[in-house]
Protein backbone atom coordinates (compact mmCIF):
# COMPACT_ATOMS: atom_id res chain seq x y z
CA UNK A 1 -38.87 56.23 -27.70
CA UNK A 2 -39.89 59.67 -28.86
CA UNK A 3 -42.82 59.77 -31.24
CA UNK A 4 -41.50 59.91 -34.77
CA UNK A 5 -42.11 63.13 -36.66
CA UNK A 6 -44.36 62.31 -39.52
CA UNK A 7 -43.82 65.23 -41.85
CA UNK A 8 -41.93 64.07 -44.93
CA UNK A 9 -39.83 67.21 -45.06
CA UNK A 10 -38.62 66.69 -41.53
CA UNK A 11 -37.83 63.07 -42.19
CA UNK A 12 -35.78 63.98 -45.22
CA UNK A 13 -34.18 66.88 -43.43
CA UNK A 14 -33.01 64.60 -40.64
CA UNK A 15 -32.32 61.55 -42.80
CA UNK A 16 -29.79 58.93 -41.84
CA UNK A 17 -26.33 59.57 -43.18
CA UNK A 18 -24.10 56.98 -44.79
CA UNK A 19 -21.06 57.06 -47.03
CA UNK A 20 -19.52 55.05 -49.83
CA UNK A 21 -16.32 57.07 -49.66
CA UNK A 22 -13.08 56.50 -47.80
CA UNK A 23 -12.64 57.04 -44.08
CA UNK A 24 -10.41 60.10 -43.59
CA UNK A 25 -8.39 58.77 -40.67
CA UNK A 26 -7.51 55.15 -41.33
CA UNK A 27 -8.30 52.20 -39.04
CA UNK A 28 -10.48 52.68 -36.01
CA UNK A 29 -8.49 53.50 -32.87
CA UNK A 30 -9.30 54.43 -29.31
CA UNK A 31 -9.37 57.88 -27.74
CA UNK A 32 -9.20 61.24 -29.51
CA UNK A 33 -7.34 59.66 -32.46
CA UNK A 34 -10.20 57.26 -33.23
CA UNK A 35 -11.15 57.19 -36.89
CA UNK A 36 -14.32 58.57 -38.37
CA UNK A 37 -16.51 55.66 -39.46
CA UNK A 38 -17.66 55.33 -43.05
CA UNK A 39 -21.30 55.38 -41.94
CA UNK A 40 -23.38 55.48 -38.79
CA UNK A 41 -23.84 51.70 -38.67
CA UNK A 42 -20.06 51.21 -38.55
CA UNK A 43 -19.43 53.34 -35.46
CA UNK A 44 -18.16 51.62 -32.33
CA UNK A 45 -19.48 53.58 -29.33
CA UNK A 46 -17.89 53.20 -25.93
CA UNK A 47 -19.74 50.79 -23.67
CA UNK A 48 -20.67 50.33 -20.03
CA UNK A 49 -17.64 49.71 -17.83
CA UNK A 50 -15.22 51.73 -19.94
CA UNK A 51 -13.72 54.97 -18.71
CA UNK A 52 -14.90 58.17 -20.33
CA UNK A 53 -12.08 59.66 -22.42
CA UNK A 54 -11.01 63.27 -22.18
CA UNK A 55 -11.72 65.71 -25.00
CA UNK A 56 -11.37 69.39 -25.72
CA UNK A 57 -14.71 71.08 -26.38
CA UNK A 58 -16.04 74.64 -26.26
CA UNK A 59 -18.57 76.42 -24.08
CA UNK A 60 -21.32 78.55 -25.63
CA UNK A 61 -19.14 81.64 -25.08
CA UNK A 62 -16.25 80.04 -26.97
CA UNK A 63 -14.09 79.10 -24.00
CA UNK A 64 -12.05 75.91 -24.18
CA UNK A 65 -13.36 73.21 -21.86
CA UNK A 66 -11.83 69.88 -20.87
CA UNK A 67 -14.46 67.18 -20.63
CA UNK A 68 -12.50 65.60 -17.78
CA UNK A 69 -12.80 68.80 -15.77
CA UNK A 70 -16.56 68.92 -16.27
CA UNK A 71 -16.93 65.23 -15.39
CA UNK A 72 -14.96 65.72 -12.17
CA UNK A 73 -17.63 68.07 -10.85
CA UNK A 74 -20.46 65.56 -10.43
CA UNK A 75 -22.00 62.37 -11.81
CA UNK A 76 -23.00 63.25 -15.34
CA UNK A 77 -25.67 62.69 -17.92
CA UNK A 78 -23.82 63.26 -21.20
CA UNK A 79 -26.02 63.68 -24.26
CA UNK A 80 -24.44 63.76 -27.71
CA UNK A 81 -26.71 65.10 -30.46
CA UNK A 82 -26.36 65.97 -34.14
CA UNK A 83 -27.21 69.67 -34.03
CA UNK A 84 -29.89 72.27 -33.52
CA UNK A 85 -31.01 71.80 -37.15
CA UNK A 86 -32.18 68.24 -36.39
CA UNK A 87 -35.83 68.10 -35.25
CA UNK A 88 -35.32 64.78 -33.48
CA UNK A 89 -32.49 66.34 -31.50
CA UNK A 90 -34.47 69.40 -30.49
CA UNK A 91 -37.38 67.20 -29.43
CA UNK A 92 -35.01 65.09 -27.34
CA UNK A 93 -33.45 68.14 -25.70
CA UNK A 94 -36.90 69.47 -24.90
CA UNK A 95 -37.83 66.16 -23.27
CA UNK A 96 -34.69 66.32 -21.15
CA UNK A 97 -35.66 69.83 -20.13
CA UNK A 98 -38.93 68.46 -18.75
CA UNK A 99 -37.09 66.04 -16.46
CA UNK A 100 -34.14 68.30 -15.70
CA UNK A 101 -35.22 69.05 -12.12
CA UNK A 102 -35.64 65.35 -11.39
CA UNK A 103 -32.14 64.64 -12.68
CA UNK A 104 -30.42 67.51 -10.94
CA UNK A 105 -32.34 66.65 -7.78
CA UNK A 106 -30.50 63.31 -7.79
CA UNK A 107 -27.19 65.14 -7.96
CA UNK A 108 -26.58 64.76 -11.69
CA UNK A 109 -25.26 67.43 -14.00
CA UNK A 110 -26.42 67.43 -17.62
CA UNK A 111 -24.08 68.17 -20.52
CA UNK A 112 -25.42 68.24 -24.09
CA UNK A 113 -22.80 68.24 -26.86
CA UNK A 114 -23.10 68.71 -30.62
CA UNK A 115 -20.85 69.73 -33.54
CA UNK A 116 -22.56 73.13 -33.72
CA UNK A 117 -20.20 76.05 -33.32
CA UNK A 118 -20.43 78.05 -30.07
CA UNK A 119 -22.22 81.02 -31.64
CA UNK A 120 -25.18 78.82 -32.54
CA UNK A 121 -25.42 77.46 -29.01
CA UNK A 122 -25.31 80.99 -27.61
CA UNK A 123 -28.11 82.28 -29.83
CA UNK A 124 -30.99 80.59 -28.10
CA UNK A 125 -30.30 76.97 -27.25
CA UNK A 126 -32.15 74.28 -29.11
CA UNK A 127 -34.77 72.99 -26.70
CA UNK A 128 -37.28 75.33 -28.29
CA UNK A 129 -40.38 75.91 -26.23
CA UNK A 130 -38.76 74.51 -23.08
CA UNK A 131 -36.82 76.32 -20.40
CA UNK A 132 -33.65 74.58 -19.32
CA UNK A 133 -30.49 75.26 -17.36
CA UNK A 134 -28.28 72.41 -18.50
CA UNK A 135 -25.15 73.22 -20.45
CA UNK A 136 -24.84 73.09 -24.23
CA UNK A 137 -21.29 72.53 -25.47
CA UNK A 138 -19.64 72.59 -28.89
CA UNK A 139 -17.68 69.66 -30.30
CA UNK A 140 -17.04 71.47 -33.59
CA UNK A 141 -13.72 69.66 -34.06
CA UNK A 142 -15.40 66.26 -33.49
CA UNK A 143 -12.86 65.38 -30.81
CA UNK A 144 -15.41 64.13 -28.28
CA UNK A 145 -17.44 62.24 -30.90
CA UNK A 146 -14.30 60.50 -32.13
CA UNK A 147 -13.10 59.69 -28.62
CA UNK A 148 -16.46 58.08 -27.78
CA UNK A 149 -16.53 56.13 -31.07
CA UNK A 150 -19.58 58.01 -32.35
CA UNK A 151 -18.26 59.96 -35.36
CA UNK A 152 -19.15 59.08 -38.94
CA UNK A 153 -18.62 60.68 -42.34
CA UNK A 154 -21.64 62.15 -44.11
CA UNK A 155 -21.73 61.22 -47.78
CA UNK A 156 -21.99 63.82 -50.53
CA UNK A 157 -25.55 62.96 -51.65
CA UNK A 158 -26.76 63.52 -48.08
CA UNK A 159 -24.76 66.73 -47.79
CA UNK A 160 -26.44 68.00 -50.95
CA UNK A 161 -29.87 66.89 -49.71
CA UNK A 162 -29.31 68.85 -46.51
CA UNK A 163 -28.28 71.91 -48.48
CA UNK A 164 -31.55 71.69 -50.35
CA UNK A 165 -33.27 72.15 -47.00
CA UNK A 166 -31.05 75.05 -46.04
CA UNK A 167 -28.70 73.01 -43.83
CA UNK A 168 -24.96 73.44 -44.31
CA UNK A 169 -23.02 71.12 -42.03
CA UNK A 170 -19.78 73.01 -42.54
CA UNK A 171 -21.48 76.30 -41.74
CA UNK A 172 -23.10 74.77 -38.64
CA UNK A 173 -19.81 73.51 -37.23
CA UNK A 174 -17.63 76.28 -38.61
CA UNK A 175 -15.21 73.59 -39.80
CA UNK A 176 -14.51 72.02 -43.23
CA UNK A 177 -15.42 68.48 -42.14
CA UNK A 178 -18.77 66.85 -42.91
CA UNK A 179 -18.91 64.58 -39.89
CA UNK A 180 -21.75 63.92 -37.45
CA UNK A 181 -22.06 61.88 -34.26
CA UNK A 182 -24.45 59.01 -33.73
CA UNK A 183 -26.84 60.39 -31.06
CA UNK A 184 -25.98 58.94 -27.66
CA UNK A 185 -26.80 59.09 -23.97
CA UNK A 186 -24.18 58.23 -21.35
CA UNK A 187 -24.37 58.09 -17.57
CA UNK A 188 -20.91 58.62 -16.11
CA UNK A 189 -20.17 58.28 -12.41
CA UNK A 190 -17.89 60.45 -10.31
CA UNK A 191 -14.89 58.22 -11.07
CA UNK A 192 -15.34 58.73 -14.80
CA UNK A 193 -16.66 55.22 -15.45
CA UNK A 194 -19.50 54.77 -17.92
CA UNK A 195 -22.40 53.23 -16.03
CA UNK A 196 -25.03 53.44 -18.77
CA UNK A 197 -24.70 53.79 -22.54
CA UNK A 198 -27.25 54.15 -25.32
CA UNK A 199 -26.25 54.89 -28.92
CA UNK A 200 -28.37 54.03 -31.95
CA UNK A 201 -27.29 54.51 -35.59
CA UNK A 202 -30.96 55.18 -36.35
CA UNK A 203 -31.04 58.89 -35.44
CA UNK A 204 -34.85 58.76 -35.06
CA UNK A 205 -34.73 56.40 -32.09
CA UNK A 206 -34.12 58.34 -28.88
CA UNK A 207 -34.19 57.37 -25.23
CA UNK A 208 -37.37 58.73 -23.67
CA UNK A 209 -37.51 60.59 -20.38
CA UNK A 210 -38.72 57.60 -18.36
CA UNK A 211 -35.77 55.49 -19.53
CA UNK A 212 -33.31 58.29 -18.77
CA UNK A 213 -34.73 58.68 -15.27
CA UNK A 214 -34.60 54.92 -14.66
CA UNK A 215 -30.94 54.79 -15.70
CA UNK A 216 -30.15 57.79 -13.51
CA UNK A 217 -31.83 56.24 -10.47
CA UNK A 218 -29.89 53.03 -10.98
CA UNK A 219 -26.59 54.85 -11.13
CA UNK A 220 -27.38 57.10 -8.21
CA UNK A 221 -28.75 54.25 -6.09
CA UNK A 222 -32.20 55.78 -5.83
């Protein structure tokens, strides 16, 4: 697991989100119509053996992308993260950048998806201090996060706390929702089947590079 950031401000800034409100979409369902969970602990992420659902997402230049089309290109490491404002996410993306050549050398493509709007992805990328070539994609409509069972509603106290640190979730996504995904790592083979899945409601717990490489080698038979 990545070393936890110890600064109190960062911990508060990236605090876990929960809600005591009402889910906006009714009972949990499968696919793109899946409901947004009331809190991170109530999400129901897709598991190993299931087929990856399709979803409409956006490239950094604002072009519509079908996840199914991207997955058809090569075995895929799909990383779902909360946004470039989250220090745990940027640290995780930077760690992936350090093992990117090992992963692509096995024949994997890397896709990293967050609710951030395309313009934010295009500005600089979020693996600050690390060069990387993998693709950042926008799930600003939360379609992919819902389809994978990762989406949860952020409660108003947390939204206000974030604003106090200069973070506006609606401004980041460019949409009126206040929904985030549970961070997740999926390995998806060429047939679209999920071969490895890791999703933890505790946003601070991330899969380290060694574990990602081990999962990739297992899937790729190396």
